[in-house]
PDB file of N, CA and C in Angstrom:
ATOM      1  N   MET A   1       0.822  -1.192  -0.003  1.00  0.00           N
ATOM      2  CA  MET A   1      -0.020  -0.067  -0.042  1.00  0.00           C
ATOM      3  C   MET A   1       0.888   1.262  -0.064  1.00  0.00           C
ATOM      4  N   GLY A   2       2.147   1.141   0.264  1.00  0.00           N
ATOM      5  CA  GLY A   2       3.058   2.228   0.281  1.00  0.00           C
ATOM      6  C   GLY A   2       3.030   3.204  -0.959  1.00  0.00           C
ATOM      7  N   PRO A   3       3.265   2.521  -2.071  1.00  0.00           N
ATOM      8  CA  PRO A   3       3.238   3.421  -3.422  1.00  0.00           C
ATOM      9  C   PRO A   3       1.845   4.176  -3.547  1.00  0.00           C
ATOM     10  N   GLY A   4       0.733   3.485  -3.173  1.00  0.00           N
ATOM     11  CA  GLY A   4      -0.574   4.053  -3.342  1.00  0.00           C
ATOM     12  C   GLY A   4      -0.855   5.278  -2.481  1.00  0.00           C
ATOM     13  N   ILE A   5      -0.289   5.130  -1.230  1.00  0.00           N
ATOM     14  CA  ILE A   5      -0.403   6.285  -0.290  1.00  0.00           C
ATOM     15  C   ILE A   5       0.474   7.560  -0.763  1.00  0.00           C
ATOM     16  N   ILE A   6       1.733   7.148  -1.333  1.00  0.00           N
ATOM     17  CA  ILE A   6       2.517   8.251  -1.699  1.00  0.00           C
ATOM     18  C   ILE A   6       2.001   8.932  -2.997  1.00  0.00           C
ATOM     19  N   THR A   7       1.461   8.129  -3.940  1.00  0.00           N
ATOM     20  CA  THR A   7       0.950   8.690  -5.058  1.00  0.00           C
ATOM     21  C   THR A   7      -0.427   9.463  -4.850  1.00  0.00           C
ATOM     22  N   GLY A   8      -1.162   8.931  -3.920  1.00  0.00           N
ATOM     23  CA  GLY A   8      -2.371   9.689  -3.576  1.00  0.00           C
ATOM     24  C   GLY A   8      -2.030  10.982  -2.989  1.00  0.00           C
ATOM     25  N   SER A   9      -1.084  11.054  -2.033  1.00  0.00           N
ATOM     26  CA  SER A   9      -0.644  12.238  -1.342  1.00  0.00           C
ATOM     27  C   SER A   9      -0.086  13.208  -2.324  1.00  0.00           C
ATOM     28  N   SER A  10       0.618  12.890  -3.290  1.00  0.00           N
ATOM     29  CA  SER A  10       1.255  13.748  -4.183  1.00  0.00           C
ATOM     30  C   SER A  10       0.226  14.398  -5.222  1.00  0.00           C
ATOM     31  N   ASP A  11      -0.875  13.818  -5.352  1.00  0.00           N
ATOM     32  CA  ASP A  11      -1.843  14.174  -6.337  1.00  0.00           C
ATOM     33  C   ASP A  11      -2.915  15.093  -5.832  1.00  0.00           C
ATOM     34  N   ASP A  12      -2.794  15.494  -4.512  1.00  0.00           N
ATOM     35  CA  ASP A  12      -3.804  16.341  -3.975  1.00  0.00           C
ATOM     36  C   ASP A  12      -3.459  17.896  -4.252  1.00  0.00           C
ATOM     37  N   ASP A  13      -3.867  18.329  -5.385  1.00  0.00           N
ATOM     38  CA  ASP A  13      -3.544  19.750  -5.675  1.00  0.00           C
ATOM     39  C   ASP A  13      -4.928  20.466  -5.480  1.00  0.00           C
ATOM     40  N   PRO A  14      -4.926  21.817  -5.566  1.00  0.00           N
ATOM     41  CA  PRO A  14      -5.988  22.617  -5.271  1.00  0.00           C
ATOM     42  C   PRO A  14      -7.301  22.259  -6.017  1.00  0.00           C
ATOM     43  N   SER A  15      -7.216  21.894  -7.334  1.00  0.00           N
ATOM     44  CA  SER A  15      -8.278  21.616  -8.069  1.00  0.00           C
ATOM     45  C   SER A  15      -8.889  20.276  -7.663  1.00  0.00           C
ATOM     46  N   ALA A  16      -8.045  19.279  -7.343  1.00  0.00           N
ATOM     47  CA  ALA A  16      -8.548  18.063  -6.768  1.00  0.00           C
ATOM     48  C   ALA A  16      -9.266  18.155  -5.363  1.00  0.00           C
ATOM     49  N   ILE A  17      -8.809  19.034  -4.541  1.00  0.00           N
ATOM     50  CA  ILE A  17      -9.404  19.275  -3.254  1.00  0.00           C
ATOM     51  C   ILE A  17     -10.747  19.874  -3.436  1.00  0.00           C
ATOM     52  N   THR A  18     -10.932  20.809  -4.489  1.00  0.00           N
ATOM     53  CA  THR A  18     -12.186  21.329  -4.700  1.00  0.00           C
ATOM     54  C   THR A  18     -13.232  20.195  -5.261  1.00  0.00           C
ATOM     55  N   THR A  19     -12.667  19.433  -6.054  1.00  0.00           N
ATOM     56  CA  THR A  19     -13.527  18.373  -6.682  1.00  0.00           C
ATOM     57  C   THR A  19     -13.992  17.389  -5.525  1.00  0.00           C
ATOM     58  N   TYR A  20     -12.941  16.980  -4.543  1.00  0.00           N
ATOM     59  CA  TYR A  20     -13.338  16.189  -3.413  1.00  0.00           C
ATOM     60  C   TYR A  20     -14.386  16.908  -2.519  1.00  0.00           C
ATOM     61  N   SER A  21     -14.191  18.154  -2.301  1.00  0.00           N
ATOM     62  CA  SER A  21     -15.282  18.932  -1.566  1.00  0.00           C
ATOM     63  C   SER A  21     -16.638  18.901  -2.181  1.00  0.00           C
ATOM     64  N   GLN A  22     -16.662  19.105  -3.463  1.00  0.00           N
ATOM     65  CA  GLN A  22     -17.981  19.161  -4.114  1.00  0.00           C
ATOM     66  C   GLN A  22     -18.599  17.696  -4.140  1.00  0.00           C
ATOM     67  N   ALA A  23     -17.796  16.672  -4.306  1.00  0.00           N
ATOM     68  CA  ALA A  23     -18.351  15.375  -4.315  1.00  0.00           C
ATOM     69  C   ALA A  23     -18.820  14.994  -2.913  1.00  0.00           C
ATOM     70  N   GLY A  24     -17.999  15.335  -1.844  1.00  0.00           N
ATOM     71  CA  GLY A  24     -18.510  15.069  -0.533  1.00  0.00           C
ATOM     72  C   GLY A  24     -19.754  15.901  -0.259  1.00  0.00           C
ATOM     73  N   ALA A  25     -19.917  17.081  -0.656  1.00  0.00           N
ATOM     74  CA  ALA A  25     -21.176  17.832  -0.416  1.00  0.00           C
ATOM     75  C   ALA A  25     -22.309  17.336  -1.228  1.00  0.00           C
ATOM     76  N   GLN A  26     -22.124  16.750  -2.286  1.00  0.00           N
ATOM     77  CA  GLN A  26     -23.194  16.191  -3.105  1.00  0.00           C
ATOM     78  C   GLN A  26     -23.660  14.832  -2.592  1.00  0.00           C
ATOM     79  N   PHE A  27     -22.686  13.884  -2.343  1.00  0.00           N
ATOM     80  CA  PHE A  27     -23.052  12.525  -2.000  1.00  0.00           C
ATOM     81  C   PHE A  27     -22.897  12.217  -0.493  1.00  0.00           C
ATOM     82  N   GLY A  28     -22.302  13.027   0.254  1.00  0.00           N
ATOM     83  CA  GLY A  28     -22.129  12.630   1.717  1.00  0.00           C
ATOM     84  C   GLY A  28     -21.429  11.346   1.907  1.00  0.00           C
ATOM     85  N   PHE A  29     -21.972  10.568   2.851  1.00  0.00           N
ATOM     86  CA  PHE A  29     -21.470   9.331   3.106  1.00  0.00           C
ATOM     87  C   PHE A  29     -22.095   8.197   2.243  1.00  0.00           C
ATOM     88  N   GLY A  30     -22.753   8.595   1.225  1.00  0.00           N
ATOM     89  CA  GLY A  30     -23.567   7.635   0.415  1.00  0.00           C
ATOM     90  C   GLY A  30     -22.722   6.600  -0.397  1.00  0.00           C
ATOM     91  N   LEU A  31     -21.448   7.094  -0.703  1.00  0.00           N
ATOM     92  CA  LEU A  31     -20.502   6.172  -1.383  1.00  0.00           C
ATOM     93  C   LEU A  31     -19.492   5.479  -0.534  1.00  0.00           C
ATOM     94  N   LEU A  32     -19.742   5.610   0.771  1.00  0.00           N
ATOM     95  CA  LEU A  32     -18.608   4.988   1.699  1.00  0.00           C
ATOM     96  C   LEU A  32     -18.657   3.418   1.584  1.00  0.00           C
ATOM     97  N   TRP A  33     -19.695   2.903   1.201  1.00  0.00           N
ATOM     98  CA  TRP A  33     -19.746   1.434   1.112  1.00  0.00           C
ATOM     99  C   TRP A  33     -18.830   0.845   0.063  1.00  0.00           C
ATOM    100  N   LEU A  34     -18.420   1.711  -0.930  1.00  0.00           N
ATOM    101  CA  LEU A  34     -17.462   1.247  -1.989  1.00  0.00           C
ATOM    102  C   LEU A  34     -16.145   0.909  -1.304  1.00  0.00           C
ATOM    103  N   VAL A  35     -15.785   1.595  -0.109  1.00  0.00           N
ATOM    104  CA  VAL A  35     -14.487   1.322   0.453  1.00  0.00           C
ATOM    105  C   VAL A  35     -14.340  -0.157   0.871  1.00  0.00           C
ATOM    106  N   ILE A  36     -15.540  -0.779   1.277  1.00  0.00           N
ATOM    107  CA  ILE A  36     -15.579  -2.143   1.625  1.00  0.00           C
ATOM    108  C   ILE A  36     -15.116  -3.004   0.476  1.00  0.00           C
ATOM    109  N   ILE A  37     -15.672  -2.631  -0.717  1.00  0.00           N
ATOM    110  CA  ILE A  37     -15.441  -3.370  -1.842  1.00  0.00           C
ATOM    111  C   ILE A  37     -14.085  -3.204  -2.516  1.00  0.00           C
ATOM    112  N   LEU A  38     -13.659  -1.925  -2.605  1.00  0.00           N
ATOM    113  CA  LEU A  38     -12.469  -1.502  -3.329  1.00  0.00           C
ATOM    114  C   LEU A  38     -11.203  -1.848  -2.591  1.00  0.00           C
ATOM    115  N   CYS A  39     -11.161  -1.836  -1.254  1.00  0.00           N
ATOM    116  CA  CYS A  39      -9.950  -1.835  -0.542  1.00  0.00           C
ATOM    117  C   CYS A  39      -9.338  -3.203  -0.616  1.00  0.00           C
ATOM    118  N   PRO A  40     -10.078  -4.350  -0.589  1.00  0.00           N
ATOM    119  CA  PRO A  40      -9.482  -5.621  -0.805  1.00  0.00           C
ATOM    120  C   PRO A  40      -8.989  -5.735  -2.283  1.00  0.00           C
ATOM    121  N   LEU A  41      -9.748  -5.193  -3.177  1.00  0.00           N
ATOM    122  CA  LEU A  41      -9.248  -5.235  -4.612  1.00  0.00           C
ATOM    123  C   LEU A  41      -7.880  -4.422  -4.838  1.00  0.00           C
ATOM    124  N   ILE A  42      -7.804  -3.338  -4.203  1.00  0.00           N
ATOM    125  CA  ILE A  42      -6.586  -2.493  -4.332  1.00  0.00           C
ATOM    126  C   ILE A  42      -5.420  -3.221  -3.640  1.00  0.00           C
ATOM    127  N   ILE A  43      -5.553  -3.841  -2.580  1.00  0.00           N
ATOM    128  CA  ILE A  43      -4.598  -4.629  -1.763  1.00  0.00           C
ATOM    129  C   ILE A  43      -4.169  -5.784  -2.721  1.00  0.00           C
ATOM    130  N   ALA A  44      -5.074  -6.493  -3.397  1.00  0.00           N
ATOM    131  CA  ALA A  44      -4.740  -7.686  -4.239  1.00  0.00           C
ATOM    132  C   ALA A  44      -4.060  -7.204  -5.430  1.00  0.00           C
ATOM    133  N   ILE A  45      -4.330  -6.037  -6.039  1.00  0.00           N
ATOM    134  CA  ILE A  45      -3.588  -5.555  -7.221  1.00  0.00           C
ATOM    135  C   ILE A  45      -2.135  -5.126  -6.857  1.00  0.00           C
ATOM    136  N   GLN A  46      -1.950  -4.492  -5.673  1.00  0.00           N
ATOM    137  CA  GLN A  46      -0.778  -4.138  -5.213  1.00  0.00           C
ATOM    138  C   GLN A  46       0.233  -5.380  -5.008  1.00  0.00           C
ATOM    139  N   LYS A  47      -0.340  -6.454  -4.417  1.00  0.00           N
ATOM    140  CA  LYS A  47       0.350  -7.686  -4.175  1.00  0.00           C
ATOM    141  C   LYS A  47       0.758  -8.332  -5.462  1.00  0.00           C
ATOM    142  N   MET A  48      -0.247  -8.372  -6.431  1.00  0.00           N
ATOM    143  CA  MET A  48       0.142  -8.917  -7.708  1.00  0.00           C
ATOM    144  C   MET A  48       1.271  -8.105  -8.392  1.00  0.00           C
ATOM    145  N   ARG A  49       1.200  -6.865  -8.359  1.00  0.00           N
ATOM    146  CA  ARG A  49       2.244  -6.063  -9.011  1.00  0.00           C
ATOM    147  C   ARG A  49       3.616  -6.239  -8.408  1.00  0.00           C
ATOM    148  N   ALA A  50       3.584  -6.419  -7.029  1.00  0.00           N
ATOM    149  CA  ALA A  50       4.883  -6.661  -6.279  1.00  0.00           C
ATOM    150  C   ALA A  50       5.388  -8.011  -6.738  1.00  0.00           C
ATOM    151  N   ARG A  51       4.576  -9.053  -6.813  1.00  0.00           N
ATOM    152  CA  ARG A  51       5.038 -10.319  -7.243  1.00  0.00           C
ATOM    153  C   ARG A  51       5.570 -10.341  -8.662  1.00  0.00           C
ATOM    154  N   ILE A  52       4.893  -9.686  -9.489  1.00  0.00           N
ATOM    155  CA  ILE A  52       5.430  -9.562 -10.850  1.00  0.00           C
ATOM    156  C   ILE A  52       6.735  -8.870 -10.948  1.00  0.00           C
ATOM    157  N   GLY A  53       6.895  -7.827 -10.140  1.00  0.00           N
ATOM    158  CA  GLY A  53       8.188  -7.065 -10.127  1.00  0.00           C
ATOM    159  C   GLY A  53       9.236  -7.945  -9.574  1.00  0.00           C
ATOM    160  N   ILE A  54       9.031  -8.805  -8.529  1.00  0.00           N
ATOM    161  CA  ILE A  54       9.982  -9.638  -8.015  1.00  0.00           C
ATOM    162  C   ILE A  54      10.440 -10.692  -9.006  1.00  0.00           C
ATOM    163  N   ALA A  55       9.407 -11.319  -9.675  1.00  0.00           N
ATOM    164  CA  ALA A  55       9.713 -12.433 -10.587  1.00  0.00           C
ATOM    165  C   ALA A  55      10.395 -11.913 -11.860  1.00  0.00           C
ATOM    166  N   THR A  56      10.102 -10.766 -12.338  1.00  0.00           N
ATOM    167  CA  THR A  56      10.656 -10.276 -13.684  1.00  0.00           C
ATOM    168  C   THR A  56      11.791  -9.366 -13.500  1.00  0.00           C
ATOM    169  N   GLY A  57      11.754  -8.628 -12.355  1.00  0.00           N
ATOM    170  CA  GLY A  57      12.821  -7.637 -12.152  1.00  0.00           C
ATOM    171  C   GLY A  57      12.434  -6.357 -12.829  1.00  0.00           C
ATOM    172  N   GLY A  58      11.282  -6.209 -13.260  1.00  0.00           N
ATOM    173  CA  GLY A  58      10.791  -4.956 -13.961  1.00  0.00           C
ATOM    174  C   GLY A  58       9.457  -4.511 -13.442  1.00  0.00           C
ATOM    175  N   GLY A  59       8.836  -3.513 -13.851  1.00  0.00           N
ATOM    176  CA  GLY A  59       7.592  -3.004 -13.500  1.00  0.00           C
ATOM    177  C   GLY A  59       6.456  -3.640 -14.285  1.00  0.00           C
ATOM    178  N   LEU A  60       5.247  -3.409 -14.000  1.00  0.00           N
ATOM    179  CA  LEU A  60       4.080  -4.031 -14.732  1.00  0.00           C
ATOM    180  C   LEU A  60       4.045  -3.559 -16.090  1.00  0.00           C
ATOM    181  N   ALA A  61       4.363  -2.396 -16.405  1.00  0.00           N
ATOM    182  CA  ALA A  61       4.188  -1.883 -17.798  1.00  0.00           C
ATOM    183  C   ALA A  61       5.283  -2.512 -18.640  1.00  0.00           C
ATOM    184  N   SER A  62       6.513  -2.690 -18.239  1.00  0.00           N
ATOM    185  CA  SER A  62       7.538  -3.251 -18.926  1.00  0.00           C
ATOM    186  C   SER A  62       7.254  -4.766 -19.177  1.00  0.00           C
ATOM    187  N   THR A  63       6.655  -5.412 -18.138  1.00  0.00           N
ATOM    188  CA  THR A  63       6.288  -6.783 -18.375  1.00  0.00           C
ATOM    189  C   THR A  63       5.279  -7.011 -19.375  1.00  0.00           C
ATOM    190  N   ILE A  64       4.223  -6.171 -19.435  1.00  0.00           N
ATOM    191  CA  ILE A  64       3.168  -6.169 -20.445  1.00  0.00           C
ATOM    192  C   ILE A  64       3.799  -5.863 -21.821  1.00  0.00           C
ATOM    193  N   LYS A  65       4.648  -4.909 -21.861  1.00  0.00           N
ATOM    194  CA  LYS A  65       5.178  -4.595 -23.135  1.00  0.00           C
ATOM    195  C   LYS A  65       6.062  -5.785 -23.772  1.00  0.00           C
ATOM    196  N   LYS A  66       6.586  -6.519 -22.929  1.00  0.00           N
ATOM    197  CA  LYS A  66       7.429  -7.718 -23.497  1.00  0.00           C
ATOM    198  C   LYS A  66       6.526  -8.759 -24.162  1.00  0.00           C
ATOM    199  N   LYS A  67       5.260  -8.843 -23.585  1.00  0.00           N
ATOM    200  CA  LYS A  67       4.278  -9.940 -23.918  1.00  0.00           C
ATOM    201  C   LYS A  67       3.433  -9.378 -25.117  1.00  0.00           C
ATOM    202  N   TYR A  68       3.042  -8.193 -25.080  1.00  0.00           N
ATOM    203  CA  TYR A  68       2.040  -7.700 -26.064  1.00  0.00           C
ATOM    204  C   TYR A  68       2.595  -6.521 -26.872  1.00  0.00           C
ATOM    205  N   SER A  69       1.837  -6.167 -27.893  1.00  0.00           N
ATOM    206  CA  SER A  69       2.357  -5.134 -28.773  1.00  0.00           C
ATOM    207  C   SER A  69       2.291  -3.750 -28.184  1.00  0.00           C
ATOM    208  N   ASN A  70       2.783  -2.783 -28.927  1.00  0.00           N
ATOM    209  CA  ASN A  70       2.718  -1.421 -28.417  1.00  0.00           C
ATOM    210  C   ASN A  70       1.309  -0.798 -28.359  1.00  0.00           C
ATOM    211  N   LYS A  71       0.482  -1.333 -29.186  1.00  0.00           N
ATOM    212  CA  LYS A  71      -0.907  -0.852 -29.233  1.00  0.00           C
ATOM    213  C   LYS A  71      -1.648  -1.231 -27.830  1.00  0.00           C
ATOM    214  N   VAL A  72      -1.402  -2.350 -27.413  1.00  0.00           N
ATOM    215  CA  VAL A  72      -1.948  -2.865 -26.171  1.00  0.00           C
ATOM    216  C   VAL A  72      -1.453  -2.020 -24.962  1.00  0.00           C
ATOM    217  N   VAL A  73      -0.120  -1.783 -24.959  1.00  0.00           N
ATOM    218  CA  VAL A  73       0.515  -1.079 -23.842  1.00  0.00           C
ATOM    219  C   VAL A  73       0.045   0.334 -23.944  1.00  0.00           C
TER     220      VAL A  73
END
C-alpha cells in the first residue's frame, strides 16, 4: 500500500481538493460502502504487481510490453 499512499498524497492539488469537496457535499457518506469492496481489490492488485516485479525484475508496464504489442501497452 506504500506506493498508493505516496501517489495519492502527491496528487492532492487545489483543483482535486475542490472536486473532493464538491463530491462530498453532493454525495455525503452515500458512497462509503465502496471502500468495503474496493480496499481488498486494491490490496490484491498491489500484491500482484509486487510479485510480478520480484519475478521479472521490472515493472508492470515493462512486463506487459514484453508480452504484447505497443498498441496494447
